[in-house]
């Protein structure tokens, strides 16, 4: 039978969304997920997300990277899933849902999704750079001219270095644009390339900007659009973290599922 899907994007970070409340999607088929995300021979996306029922929450979000493997928390994907849940009639304007890193809350306010992220309890300093987990692992480096940086080459050099090669990390490059405004470009593991935006990466960079003197809210420019992050510093970490930005339906359709991919 053909697979019904929806394509969503949040500041250029795009996802294949599937209503899997009847658990009909073969979630263990990595090659199928990879083929659906392929931009030449499939639908094309940075990842694939299943929306599923959960006894204790409005829904569960199951996220796969474009390489077909189960992923960690995806901030832009979560905002898209919230918008998708409203489209399906699962929620109204408030959502309580489960993701890879635990429970989350989100509210819809017109065009914007306000997504509550998990607390960050610690930040590691690595030379002049930073490493932290905002639901996914992120390496953060401040640079002088992010627009002209070779993000692919520089990002791979960190992602595949001796420390991170086995598990992997996302790598973010940040330029300060003002006291409380930054420009971020991100190399994402699982995609293994630069994406137009990364929600957990934007969050990580805004928090590090906070450590270096920026005040909440921090405005973030990405190649795919603008986001905002609010937070409260708490000891060595952060709490009450919100990722705020749009999430939009691009198109929907059906695609045949081959017996073997």
C-alpha atoms as a PDB file:
ATOM      1  CA  UNK A   1       0.000   0.000   0.000  1.00  0.00           C
ATOM      2  CA  UNK A   2       1.202   3.566  -0.637  1.00  0.00           C
ATOM      3  CA  UNK A   3       2.584   5.541   2.285  1.00  0.00           C
ATOM      4  CA  UNK A   4       0.915   8.849   3.107  1.00  0.00           C
ATOM      5  CA  UNK A   5       3.370  11.535   4.186  1.00  0.00           C
ATOM      6  CA  UNK A   6       3.621  15.241   4.920  1.00  0.00           C
ATOM      7  CA  UNK A   7       6.643  17.448   4.330  1.00  0.00           C
ATOM      8  CA  UNK A   8       7.268  20.127   6.965  1.00  0.00           C
ATOM      9  CA  UNK A   9      10.052  22.652   7.445  1.00  0.00           C
ATOM     10  CA  UNK A  10      11.199  24.855  10.302  1.00  0.00           C
ATOM     11  CA  UNK A  11      13.595  27.616   9.187  1.00  0.00           C
ATOM     12  CA  UNK A  12      14.700  25.426   6.290  1.00  0.00           C
ATOM     13  CA  UNK A  13      15.280  22.275   8.368  1.00  0.00           C
ATOM     14  CA  UNK A  14      12.924  19.857   6.582  1.00  0.00           C
ATOM     15  CA  UNK A  15      11.291  16.601   7.601  1.00  0.00           C
ATOM     16  CA  UNK A  16       9.154  13.804   6.252  1.00  0.00           C
ATOM     17  CA  UNK A  17       6.286  13.513   8.746  1.00  0.00           C
ATOM     18  CA  UNK A  18       4.247  10.322   9.086  1.00  0.00           C
ATOM     19  CA  UNK A  19       1.112   9.693  11.120  1.00  0.00           C
ATOM     20  CA  UNK A  20       2.039   6.362  12.691  1.00  0.00           C
ATOM     21  CA  UNK A  21      -0.688   6.138  15.316  1.00  0.00           C
ATOM     22  CA  UNK A  22      -1.698   2.754  13.865  1.00  0.00           C
ATOM     23  CA  UNK A  23       1.950   1.581  13.972  1.00  0.00           C
ATOM     24  CA  UNK A  24       1.928   0.526  10.319  1.00  0.00           C
ATOM     25  CA  UNK A  25       5.266   2.100   9.359  1.00  0.00           C
ATOM     26  CA  UNK A  26       8.246  -0.341   9.358  1.00  0.00           C
ATOM     27  CA  UNK A  27      10.334   1.762  11.734  1.00  0.00           C
ATOM     28  CA  UNK A  28      13.137  -0.799  11.918  1.00  0.00           C
ATOM     29  CA  UNK A  29      13.883  -0.540   8.189  1.00  0.00           C
ATOM     30  CA  UNK A  30      16.848   1.867   8.101  1.00  0.00           C
ATOM     31  CA  UNK A  31      17.221   1.586   4.335  1.00  0.00           C
ATOM     32  CA  UNK A  32      13.596   2.595   3.806  1.00  0.00           C
ATOM     33  CA  UNK A  33      13.983   5.667   6.004  1.00  0.00           C
ATOM     34  CA  UNK A  34      17.216   6.579   4.240  1.00  0.00           C
ATOM     35  CA  UNK A  35      15.604   6.188   0.802  1.00  0.00           C
ATOM     36  CA  UNK A  36      12.628   8.384   1.743  1.00  0.00           C
ATOM     37  CA  UNK A  37      14.995  11.133   2.941  1.00  0.00           C
ATOM     38  CA  UNK A  38      17.149  10.950  -0.209  1.00  0.00           C
ATOM     39  CA  UNK A  39      16.921  14.234  -2.130  1.00  0.00           C
ATOM     40  CA  UNK A  40      17.486  12.663  -5.552  1.00  0.00           C
ATOM     41  CA  UNK A  41      15.512   9.437  -5.443  1.00  0.00           C
ATOM     42  CA  UNK A  42      13.131   9.955  -2.504  1.00  0.00           C
ATOM     43  CA  UNK A  43      10.969  12.668  -0.988  1.00  0.00           C
ATOM     44  CA  UNK A  44      14.006  14.533   0.300  1.00  0.00           C
ATOM     45  CA  UNK A  45      14.569  15.762   3.857  1.00  0.00           C
ATOM     46  CA  UNK A  46      17.000  16.210   6.740  1.00  0.00           C
ATOM     47  CA  UNK A  47      15.147  13.537   8.698  1.00  0.00           C
ATOM     48  CA  UNK A  48      11.968  11.515   9.133  1.00  0.00           C
ATOM     49  CA  UNK A  49       9.558  11.788  12.075  1.00  0.00           C
ATOM     50  CA  UNK A  50       6.838   9.422  13.234  1.00  0.00           C
ATOM     51  CA  UNK A  51       3.951  10.797  15.296  1.00  0.00           C
ATOM     52  CA  UNK A  52       2.667   8.007  17.544  1.00  0.00           C
ATOM     53  CA  UNK A  53       0.157   7.568  20.348  1.00  0.00           C
ATOM     54  CA  UNK A  54       1.394   7.416  23.939  1.00  0.00           C
ATOM     55  CA  UNK A  55      -0.649   6.516  27.004  1.00  0.00           C
ATOM     56  CA  UNK A  56       0.782   9.334  29.148  1.00  0.00           C
ATOM     57  CA  UNK A  57       1.220  12.149  26.608  1.00  0.00           C
ATOM     58  CA  UNK A  58      -0.587  13.807  23.731  1.00  0.00           C
ATOM     59  CA  UNK A  59       1.779  11.982  21.385  1.00  0.00           C
ATOM     60  CA  UNK A  60       5.268  10.560  21.006  1.00  0.00           C
ATOM     61  CA  UNK A  61       7.772  11.898  18.491  1.00  0.00           C
ATOM     62  CA  UNK A  62      10.183   9.325  17.010  1.00  0.00           C
ATOM     63  CA  UNK A  63      12.970  10.945  15.010  1.00  0.00           C
ATOM     64  CA  UNK A  64      15.270   9.362  12.424  1.00  0.00           C
ATOM     65  CA  UNK A  65      18.317  10.999  10.892  1.00  0.00           C
ATOM     66  CA  UNK A  66      18.616  11.133   7.112  1.00  0.00           C
ATOM     67  CA  UNK A  67      21.022   8.168   7.285  1.00  0.00           C
ATOM     68  CA  UNK A  68      18.101   6.010   8.488  1.00  0.00           C
ATOM     69  CA  UNK A  69      19.225   5.669  12.081  1.00  0.00           C
ATOM     70  CA  UNK A  70      17.261   6.643  15.167  1.00  0.00           C
ATOM     71  CA  UNK A  71      18.273  10.136  16.209  1.00  0.00           C
ATOM     72  CA  UNK A  72      18.405  12.128  19.400  1.00  0.00           C
ATOM     73  CA  UNK A  73      16.291  15.209  20.135  1.00  0.00           C
ATOM     74  CA  UNK A  74      15.583  17.480  17.164  1.00  0.00           C
ATOM     75  CA  UNK A  75      14.341  20.962  18.088  1.00  0.00           C
ATOM     76  CA  UNK A  76      13.137  22.094  14.676  1.00  0.00           C
ATOM     77  CA  UNK A  77      11.633  18.657  14.096  1.00  0.00           C
ATOM     78  CA  UNK A  78       9.787  18.868  17.393  1.00  0.00           C
ATOM     79  CA  UNK A  79       8.275  22.221  16.458  1.00  0.00           C
ATOM     80  CA  UNK A  80       7.182  20.725  13.126  1.00  0.00           C
ATOM     81  CA  UNK A  81       5.686  17.724  14.933  1.00  0.00           C
ATOM     82  CA  UNK A  82       3.663  20.023  17.172  1.00  0.00           C
ATOM     83  CA  UNK A  83       2.272  21.813  14.108  1.00  0.00           C
ATOM     84  CA  UNK A  84       1.586  18.419  12.486  1.00  0.00           C
ATOM     85  CA  UNK A  85      -0.223  17.222  15.626  1.00  0.00           C
ATOM     86  CA  UNK A  86      -2.521  20.234  15.435  1.00  0.00           C
ATOM     87  CA  UNK A  87      -3.194  19.563  11.762  1.00  0.00           C
ATOM     88  CA  UNK A  88      -4.205  15.988  12.648  1.00  0.00           C
ATOM     89  CA  UNK A  89      -6.475  17.199  15.467  1.00  0.00           C
ATOM     90  CA  UNK A  90      -4.359  15.507  18.141  1.00  0.00           C
ATOM     91  CA  UNK A  91      -3.902  18.798  20.034  1.00  0.00           C
ATOM     92  CA  UNK A  92      -5.243  22.331  20.024  1.00  0.00           C
ATOM     93  CA  UNK A  93      -2.657  24.980  20.960  1.00  0.00           C
ATOM     94  CA  UNK A  94      -0.809  23.231  23.801  1.00  0.00           C
ATOM     95  CA  UNK A  95       1.132  19.982  23.591  1.00  0.00           C
ATOM     96  CA  UNK A  96       2.701  17.644  26.121  1.00  0.00           C
ATOM     97  CA  UNK A  97       4.724  15.037  24.275  1.00  0.00           C
ATOM     98  CA  UNK A  98       7.557  12.550  24.563  1.00  0.00           C
ATOM     99  CA  UNK A  99      10.775  12.763  22.506  1.00  0.00           C
ATOM    100  CA  UNK A 100      14.103  10.946  22.566  1.00  0.00           C
ATOM    101  CA  UNK A 101      15.406  13.022  25.483  1.00  0.00           C
ATOM    102  CA  UNK A 102      12.228  12.939  27.575  1.00  0.00           C
ATOM    103  CA  UNK A 103       9.068  14.997  27.944  1.00  0.00           C
ATOM    104  CA  UNK A 104       8.484  18.394  26.395  1.00  0.00           C
ATOM    105  CA  UNK A 105       5.828  21.079  26.413  1.00  0.00           C
ATOM    106  CA  UNK A 106       4.975  23.404  23.541  1.00  0.00           C
ATOM    107  CA  UNK A 107       2.467  26.124  22.754  1.00  0.00           C
ATOM    108  CA  UNK A 108       1.294  27.443  19.405  1.00  0.00           C
ATOM    109  CA  UNK A 109       0.993  31.213  19.156  1.00  0.00           C
ATOM    110  CA  UNK A 110      -0.100  32.137  15.637  1.00  0.00           C
ATOM    111  CA  UNK A 111       2.867  31.382  13.329  1.00  0.00           C
ATOM    112  CA  UNK A 112       5.298  30.529  16.126  1.00  0.00           C
ATOM    113  CA  UNK A 113       5.875  27.373  18.134  1.00  0.00           C
ATOM    114  CA  UNK A 114       7.268  27.916  21.647  1.00  0.00           C
ATOM    115  CA  UNK A 115       9.070  24.675  22.517  1.00  0.00           C
ATOM    116  CA  UNK A 116      10.329  24.036  26.039  1.00  0.00           C
ATOM    117  CA  UNK A 117      13.696  22.318  25.906  1.00  0.00           C
ATOM    118  CA  UNK A 118      15.284  20.161  28.582  1.00  0.00           C
ATOM    119  CA  UNK A 119      17.476  21.709  31.270  1.00  0.00           C
ATOM    120  CA  UNK A 120      21.211  21.891  30.611  1.00  0.00           C
ATOM    121  CA  UNK A 121      23.123  20.991  33.750  1.00  0.00           C
ATOM    122  CA  UNK A 122      26.707  21.571  32.645  1.00  0.00           C
ATOM    123  CA  UNK A 123      28.911  22.981  29.901  1.00  0.00           C
ATOM    124  CA  UNK A 124      32.410  21.733  29.032  1.00  0.00           C
ATOM    125  CA  UNK A 125      35.150  24.082  27.883  1.00  0.00           C
ATOM    126  CA  UNK A 126      37.485  22.687  25.208  1.00  0.00           C
ATOM    127  CA  UNK A 127      40.197  25.272  24.596  1.00  0.00           C
ATOM    128  CA  UNK A 128      38.345  28.328  23.290  1.00  0.00           C
ATOM    129  CA  UNK A 129      35.340  26.197  22.301  1.00  0.00           C
ATOM    130  CA  UNK A 130      32.407  24.638  24.166  1.00  0.00           C
ATOM    131  CA  UNK A 131      30.620  21.293  24.317  1.00  0.00           C
ATOM    132  CA  UNK A 132      27.156  20.702  25.767  1.00  0.00           C
ATOM    133  CA  UNK A 133      24.023  18.615  25.347  1.00  0.00           C
ATOM    134  CA  UNK A 134      20.695  20.272  24.540  1.00  0.00           C
ATOM    135  CA  UNK A 135      18.937  16.965  23.822  1.00  0.00           C
ATOM    136  CA  UNK A 136      21.643  16.289  21.223  1.00  0.00           C
ATOM    137  CA  UNK A 137      25.410  16.813  21.610  1.00  0.00           C
ATOM    138  CA  UNK A 138      26.763  20.114  20.288  1.00  0.00           C
ATOM    139  CA  UNK A 139      30.224  21.551  19.805  1.00  0.00           C
ATOM    140  CA  UNK A 140      30.212  25.364  19.661  1.00  0.00           C
ATOM    141  CA  UNK A 141      32.964  27.528  18.173  1.00  0.00           C
ATOM    142  CA  UNK A 142      32.911  31.324  17.818  1.00  0.00           C
ATOM    143  CA  UNK A 143      34.317  32.670  14.535  1.00  0.00           C
ATOM    144  CA  UNK A 144      34.795  36.073  12.964  1.00  0.00           C
ATOM    145  CA  UNK A 145      33.140  35.589   9.560  1.00  0.00           C
ATOM    146  CA  UNK A 146      30.690  32.688   9.623  1.00  0.00           C
ATOM    147  CA  UNK A 147      29.159  33.588   6.244  1.00  0.00           C
ATOM    148  CA  UNK A 148      32.373  32.709   4.381  1.00  0.00           C
ATOM    149  CA  UNK A 149      33.397  29.724   6.518  1.00  0.00           C
ATOM    150  CA  UNK A 150      33.715  26.268   4.947  1.00  0.00           C
ATOM    151  CA  UNK A 151      31.250  24.656   7.368  1.00  0.00           C
ATOM    152  CA  UNK A 152      31.412  21.263   5.668  1.00  0.00           C
ATOM    153  CA  UNK A 153      35.182  20.921   5.948  1.00  0.00           C
ATOM    154  CA  UNK A 154      35.537  22.563   9.356  1.00  0.00           C
ATOM    155  CA  UNK A 155      32.556  20.675  10.762  1.00  0.00           C
ATOM    156  CA  UNK A 156      33.753  17.272   9.569  1.00  0.00           C
ATOM    157  CA  UNK A 157      37.183  17.930  11.079  1.00  0.00           C
ATOM    158  CA  UNK A 158      35.586  18.182  14.529  1.00  0.00           C
ATOM    159  CA  UNK A 159      32.832  15.593  14.069  1.00  0.00           C
ATOM    160  CA  UNK A 160      35.367  12.931  12.977  1.00  0.00           C
ATOM    161  CA  UNK A 161      38.222  13.816  15.316  1.00  0.00           C
ATOM    162  CA  UNK A 162      39.533  11.245  17.789  1.00  0.00           C
ATOM    163  CA  UNK A 163      37.122  12.227  20.562  1.00  0.00           C
ATOM    164  CA  UNK A 164      33.879  12.375  18.586  1.00  0.00           C
ATOM    165  CA  UNK A 165      34.414   9.976  15.683  1.00  0.00           C
ATOM    166  CA  UNK A 166      32.627   6.990  17.206  1.00  0.00           C
ATOM    167  CA  UNK A 167      29.544   8.667  18.713  1.00  0.00           C
ATOM    168  CA  UNK A 168      29.572  11.847  16.664  1.00  0.00           C
ATOM    169  CA  UNK A 169      28.642  15.400  17.514  1.00  0.00           C
ATOM    170  CA  UNK A 170      26.937  18.302  15.790  1.00  0.00           C
ATOM    171  CA  UNK A 171      29.286  21.221  15.168  1.00  0.00           C
ATOM    172  CA  UNK A 172      28.172  24.857  15.322  1.00  0.00           C
ATOM    173  CA  UNK A 173      29.960  27.981  14.177  1.00  0.00           C
ATOM    174  CA  UNK A 174      28.806  31.259  15.695  1.00  0.00           C
ATOM    175  CA  UNK A 175      29.390  34.897  14.863  1.00  0.00           C
ATOM    176  CA  UNK A 176      28.290  37.667  17.206  1.00  0.00           C
ATOM    177  CA  UNK A 177      26.079  40.211  15.436  1.00  0.00           C
ATOM    178  CA  UNK A 178      25.282  42.307  18.502  1.00  0.00           C
ATOM    179  CA  UNK A 179      24.872  42.104  22.257  1.00  0.00           C
ATOM    180  CA  UNK A 180      21.996  39.614  22.083  1.00  0.00           C
ATOM    181  CA  UNK A 181      22.091  38.480  18.450  1.00  0.00           C
ATOM    182  CA  UNK A 182      24.141  35.754  16.786  1.00  0.00           C
ATOM    183  CA  UNK A 183      24.534  34.117  13.370  1.00  0.00           C
ATOM    184  CA  UNK A 184      24.792  30.306  13.433  1.00  0.00           C
ATOM    185  CA  UNK A 185      25.714  27.689  10.843  1.00  0.00           C
ATOM    186  CA  UNK A 186      25.647  24.000  11.759  1.00  0.00           C
ATOM    187  CA  UNK A 187      27.172  20.748  10.509  1.00  0.00           C
ATOM    188  CA  UNK A 188      24.796  17.962  11.569  1.00  0.00           C
ATOM    189  CA  UNK A 189      25.788  14.389  12.292  1.00  0.00           C
ATOM    190  CA  UNK A 190      23.434  11.882  10.647  1.00  0.00           C
ATOM    191  CA  UNK A 191      22.956  14.294   7.762  1.00  0.00           C
ATOM    192  CA  UNK A 192      26.764  14.614   7.529  1.00  0.00           C
ATOM    193  CA  UNK A 193      26.521  18.026   5.962  1.00  0.00           C
ATOM    194  CA  UNK A 194      25.447  21.555   6.763  1.00  0.00           C
ATOM    195  CA  UNK A 195      21.714  22.052   7.265  1.00  0.00           C
ATOM    196  CA  UNK A 196      19.865  25.332   6.843  1.00  0.00           C
ATOM    197  CA  UNK A 197      19.024  25.329  10.551  1.00  0.00           C
ATOM    198  CA  UNK A 198      19.381  23.122  13.630  1.00  0.00           C
ATOM    199  CA  UNK A 199      17.078  23.712  16.600  1.00  0.00           C
ATOM    200  CA  UNK A 200      19.138  22.030  19.293  1.00  0.00           C
ATOM    201  CA  UNK A 201      22.240  23.675  17.803  1.00  0.00           C
ATOM    202  CA  UNK A 202      20.679  27.127  17.828  1.00  0.00           C
ATOM    203  CA  UNK A 203      19.701  26.496  21.442  1.00  0.00           C
ATOM    204  CA  UNK A 204      23.232  25.434  22.363  1.00  0.00           C
ATOM    205  CA  UNK A 205      24.758  28.507  20.707  1.00  0.00           C
ATOM    206  CA  UNK A 206      22.327  30.885  22.401  1.00  0.00           C
ATOM    207  CA  UNK A 207      23.152  29.398  25.794  1.00  0.00           C
ATOM    208  CA  UNK A 208      26.882  29.756  25.183  1.00  0.00           C
ATOM    209  CA  UNK A 209      26.283  33.340  24.082  1.00  0.00           C
ATOM    210  CA  UNK A 210      24.585  33.732  27.466  1.00  0.00           C
ATOM    211  CA  UNK A 211      27.698  32.461  29.204  1.00  0.00           C
ATOM    212  CA  UNK A 212      29.665  35.094  27.311  1.00  0.00           C
ATOM    213  CA  UNK A 213      27.418  37.969  28.321  1.00  0.00           C
ATOM    214  CA  UNK A 214      24.312  37.896  26.096  1.00  0.00           C
ATOM    215  CA  UNK A 215      20.972  38.323  27.820  1.00  0.00           C
ATOM    216  CA  UNK A 216      17.815  36.344  27.217  1.00  0.00           C
ATOM    217  CA  UNK A 217      16.135  36.405  24.725  1.00  0.00           C
ATOM    218  CA  UNK A 218      18.879  35.768  22.175  1.00  0.00           C
ATOM    219  CA  UNK A 219      17.951  36.281  18.520  1.00  0.00           C
ATOM    220  CA  UNK A 220      19.526  33.773  16.151  1.00  0.00           C
ATOM    221  CA  UNK A 221      20.047  34.100  12.409  1.00  0.00           C
ATOM    222  CA  UNK A 222      20.485  30.873  10.429  1.00  0.00           C
ATOM    223  CA  UNK A 223      20.736  30.266   6.664  1.00  0.00           C
ATOM    224  CA  UNK A 224      17.102  29.095   6.758  1.00  0.00           C
ATOM    225  CA  UNK A 225      15.583  31.885   8.835  1.00  0.00           C
ATOM    226  CA  UNK A 226      15.402  33.452  12.273  1.00  0.00           C
ATOM    227  CA  UNK A 227      14.789  31.874  15.671  1.00  0.00           C
ATOM    228  CA  UNK A 228      14.763  33.056  19.264  1.00  0.00           C
ATOM    229  CA  UNK A 229      15.923  31.344  22.445  1.00  0.00           C
ATOM    230  CA  UNK A 230      14.943  32.317  25.977  1.00  0.00           C
ATOM    231  CA  UNK A 231      16.589  30.888  29.090  1.00  0.00           C
ATOM    232  CA  UNK A 232      17.526  31.373  32.697  1.00  0.00           C
ATOM    233  CA  UNK A 233      21.049  30.686  33.924  1.00  0.00           C
ATOM    234  CA  UNK A 234      21.104  28.345  36.891  1.00  0.00           C
ATOM    235  CA  UNK A 235      24.451  27.619  38.531  1.00  0.00           C
ATOM    236  CA  UNK A 236      26.727  25.990  35.929  1.00  0.00           C
ATOM    237  CA  UNK A 237      23.794  25.327  33.596  1.00  0.00           C
ATOM    238  CA  UNK A 238      20.456  26.614  32.322  1.00  0.00           C
ATOM    239  CA  UNK A 239      16.745  26.029  32.853  1.00  0.00           C
ATOM    240  CA  UNK A 240      13.422  27.346  31.484  1.00  0.00           C
ATOM    241  CA  UNK A 241      14.852  27.109  27.974  1.00  0.00           C
ATOM    242  CA  UNK A 242      12.497  27.828  25.063  1.00  0.00           C
ATOM    243  CA  UNK A 243      13.186  27.528  21.338  1.00  0.00           C
ATOM    244  CA  UNK A 244      10.810  29.812  19.440  1.00  0.00           C
ATOM    245  CA  UNK A 245      10.217  29.828  15.703  1.00  0.00           C
ATOM    246  CA  UNK A 246       7.938  28.884  12.797  1.00  0.00           C
ATOM    247  CA  UNK A 247       6.992  25.438  11.486  1.00  0.00           C
ATOM    248  CA  UNK A 248       5.197  25.104   8.167  1.00  0.00           C
ATOM    249  CA  UNK A 249       3.598  22.471   5.961  1.00  0.00           C
ATOM    250  CA  UNK A 250       5.337  22.352   2.569  1.00  0.00           C
ATOM    251  CA  UNK A 251       3.349  19.637   0.780  1.00  0.00           C
ATOM    252  CA  UNK A 252       1.785  16.210   1.280  1.00  0.00           C
ATOM    253  CA  UNK A 253       1.391  13.111  -0.863  1.00  0.00           C
ATOM    254  CA  UNK A 254       1.805   9.373  -1.116  1.00  0.00           C
ATOM    255  CA  UNK A 255       4.745   7.226  -2.113  1.00  0.00           C
ATOM    256  CA  UNK A 256       4.887   3.452  -2.736  1.00  0.00           C
ATOM    257  CA  UNK A 257       6.820   1.371  -0.227  1.00  0.00           C
ATOM    258  CA  UNK A 258       8.886  -1.204  -2.119  1.00  0.00           C
ATOM    259  CA  UNK A 259       9.166  -4.701  -0.717  1.00  0.00           C
ATOM    260  CA  UNK A 260      12.929  -4.275  -0.587  1.00  0.00           C
ATOM    261  CA  UNK A 261      14.832  -0.996  -0.698  1.00  0.00           C
END
